[in-house]
Amino acid sequence: MLEEEFRKLILRIQQRKCEEHTLEVKTANKGCPERLYDCEKLCETP
């Protein structure tokens, strides 16, 4: 995802004041998380 796409996504979430079906928003109280995972990889069955 390019920076411009990310900024547009953030703006869309802020305007709608809600998450989307394919996106979940989390807060980072202690800074940026050290590990980021792709949901598709986590949801795959072995």
N, C-alpha and C. Protein backbone atom coordinates (compact mmCIF):
# COMPACT_ATOMS: atom_id res chain seq x y z
N MET A 1 0.85 -1.17 0.00
CA MET A 1 0.00 0.00 0.00
C MET A 1 0.90 1.23 0.00
N LEU A 2 0.59 2.13 -0.87
CA LEU A 2 1.35 3.37 -0.96
C LEU A 2 0.90 4.36 0.12
N GLU A 3 1.76 5.29 0.45
CA GLU A 3 1.43 6.27 1.49
C GLU A 3 0.16 7.04 1.16
N GLU A 4 -0.01 7.43 -0.10
CA GLU A 4 -1.20 8.18 -0.50
C GLU A 4 -2.47 7.33 -0.32
N GLU A 5 -2.40 6.05 -0.65
CA GLU A 5 -3.54 5.15 -0.46
C GLU A 5 -3.87 5.02 1.02
N PHE A 6 -2.83 4.93 1.84
CA PHE A 6 -3.02 4.81 3.28
C PHE A 6 -3.69 6.06 3.84
N ARG A 7 -3.24 7.22 3.39
CA ARG A 7 -3.85 8.48 3.85
C ARG A 7 -5.32 8.56 3.45
N LYS A 8 -5.66 8.13 2.25
CA LYS A 8 -7.06 8.13 1.79
C LYS A 8 -7.90 7.17 2.63
N LEU A 9 -7.33 6.03 2.97
CA LEU A 9 -8.03 5.06 3.79
C LEU A 9 -8.31 5.63 5.18
N ILE A 10 -7.33 6.27 5.77
CA ILE A 10 -7.51 6.90 7.09
C ILE A 10 -8.60 7.96 7.02
N LEU A 11 -8.56 8.80 6.00
CA LEU A 11 -9.56 9.85 5.84
C LEU A 11 -10.96 9.25 5.72
N ARG A 12 -11.10 8.18 4.94
CA ARG A 12 -12.40 7.53 4.74
C ARG A 12 -12.93 6.98 6.07
N ILE A 13 -12.05 6.37 6.86
CA ILE A 13 -12.46 5.84 8.16
C ILE A 13 -12.89 6.97 9.09
N GLN A 14 -12.14 8.06 9.09
CA GLN A 14 -12.48 9.20 9.94
C GLN A 14 -13.82 9.82 9.53
N GLN A 15 -14.09 9.90 8.24
CA GLN A 15 -15.34 10.49 7.77
C GLN A 15 -16.54 9.60 8.11
N ARG A 16 -16.37 8.30 7.96
CA ARG A 16 -17.47 7.36 8.24
C ARG A 16 -17.62 7.08 9.74
N LYS A 17 -16.55 7.32 10.48
CA LYS A 17 -16.53 7.07 11.93
C LYS A 17 -16.83 5.60 12.25
N CYS A 18 -16.34 4.71 11.39
CA CYS A 18 -16.50 3.29 11.63
C CYS A 18 -15.48 2.49 10.82
N GLU A 19 -15.30 1.24 11.22
CA GLU A 19 -14.41 0.34 10.51
C GLU A 19 -15.14 -0.20 9.27
N GLU A 20 -14.40 -0.91 8.44
CA GLU A 20 -14.99 -1.55 7.29
C GLU A 20 -14.94 -3.06 7.49
N HIS A 21 -15.63 -3.78 6.63
CA HIS A 21 -15.70 -5.24 6.74
C HIS A 21 -14.31 -5.88 6.70
N THR A 22 -13.41 -5.34 5.91
CA THR A 22 -12.09 -5.92 5.73
C THR A 22 -11.00 -5.20 6.52
N LEU A 23 -11.40 -4.29 7.42
CA LEU A 23 -10.42 -3.49 8.14
C LEU A 23 -10.83 -3.34 9.59
N GLU A 24 -9.89 -3.58 10.50
CA GLU A 24 -10.13 -3.39 11.92
C GLU A 24 -9.12 -2.38 12.44
N VAL A 25 -9.59 -1.38 13.16
CA VAL A 25 -8.73 -0.31 13.66
C VAL A 25 -8.40 -0.59 15.12
N LYS A 26 -7.12 -0.45 15.46
CA LYS A 26 -6.66 -0.65 16.83
C LYS A 26 -5.91 0.59 17.29
N THR A 27 -5.86 0.80 18.60
CA THR A 27 -5.06 1.89 19.15
C THR A 27 -3.69 1.36 19.55
N ALA A 28 -2.72 2.23 19.55
CA ALA A 28 -1.37 1.87 19.95
C ALA A 28 -0.98 2.76 21.11
N ASN A 29 -1.28 2.33 22.32
CA ASN A 29 -1.01 3.14 23.51
C ASN A 29 0.48 3.31 23.80
N LYS A 30 1.28 2.33 23.38
CA LYS A 30 2.71 2.35 23.67
C LYS A 30 3.53 2.49 22.40
N GLY A 31 3.03 3.22 21.42
CA GLY A 31 3.76 3.40 20.17
C GLY A 31 3.35 2.38 19.13
N CYS A 32 4.06 2.36 18.04
CA CYS A 32 3.75 1.46 16.93
C CYS A 32 4.07 0.02 17.32
N PRO A 33 3.18 -0.93 17.01
CA PRO A 33 3.46 -2.34 17.30
C PRO A 33 4.74 -2.81 16.60
N GLU A 34 5.47 -3.71 17.24
CA GLU A 34 6.70 -4.22 16.66
C GLU A 34 6.44 -5.24 15.56
N ARG A 35 5.34 -5.99 15.69
CA ARG A 35 5.02 -7.01 14.69
C ARG A 35 3.63 -6.75 14.13
N LEU A 36 3.53 -6.73 12.83
CA LEU A 36 2.25 -6.57 12.15
C LEU A 36 1.99 -7.82 11.33
N TYR A 37 0.79 -8.36 11.42
CA TYR A 37 0.45 -9.59 10.72
C TYR A 37 -0.65 -9.35 9.71
N ASP A 38 -0.58 -10.07 8.63
CA ASP A 38 -1.62 -10.02 7.62
C ASP A 38 -2.76 -10.91 8.09
N CYS A 39 -3.97 -10.37 8.18
CA CYS A 39 -5.12 -11.12 8.68
C CYS A 39 -5.34 -12.39 7.87
N GLU A 40 -5.16 -12.33 6.58
CA GLU A 40 -5.38 -13.51 5.75
C GLU A 40 -4.48 -14.65 6.18
N LYS A 41 -3.24 -14.34 6.53
CA LYS A 41 -2.30 -15.37 6.97
C LYS A 41 -2.73 -15.95 8.31
N LEU A 42 -3.26 -15.10 9.20
CA LEU A 42 -3.70 -15.58 10.51
C LEU A 42 -4.95 -16.42 10.41
N CYS A 43 -5.80 -16.12 9.43
CA CYS A 43 -7.09 -16.79 9.32
C CYS A 43 -7.02 -18.08 8.51
N GLU A 44 -5.91 -18.34 7.85
CA GLU A 44 -5.80 -19.55 7.07
C GLU A 44 -5.78 -20.77 7.97
N THR A 45 -6.38 -21.84 7.50
CA THR A 45 -6.34 -23.09 8.25
C THR A 45 -5.18 -23.93 7.77
N PRO A 46 -4.47 -24.61 8.67
CA PRO A 46 -3.30 -25.41 8.27
C PRO A 46 -3.67 -26.62 7.44
